[in-house]
C-alpha cells in the first residue's frame, strides 16, 4: 500500500468509509477521516477503534483498501467505534 493511495482515499470528497485489509486477513475499519492519522514518513497509520483503543498499522502489511467494507456486529449493524 502506498502513502499516496491511502492519502487519496482518506481525503476523498465526499469521504467514503473503508477498511484496511491486512496480510493476515484482518480488517481495520476507517468510518471517518478523523479516525486515522498517517505518520510523516508514510509507513505507519494509527487508527482509532473502539473507545480509547487504537491500532498501529504498518502500511507494508496492507494488501487492499476495501471501500464501504466496515465490519458488522452480530445484529447486522456497524461495529461500534
Foldseek 3Di string as FASTA:
>chain_A
DFLVVVVCQLPPVVHFKKWFQFQVRDTHTDRHSVQWDADPVRQWIWGHDPDRDIDIDGVVGGDDIGTPDADPDPVRHGDHD
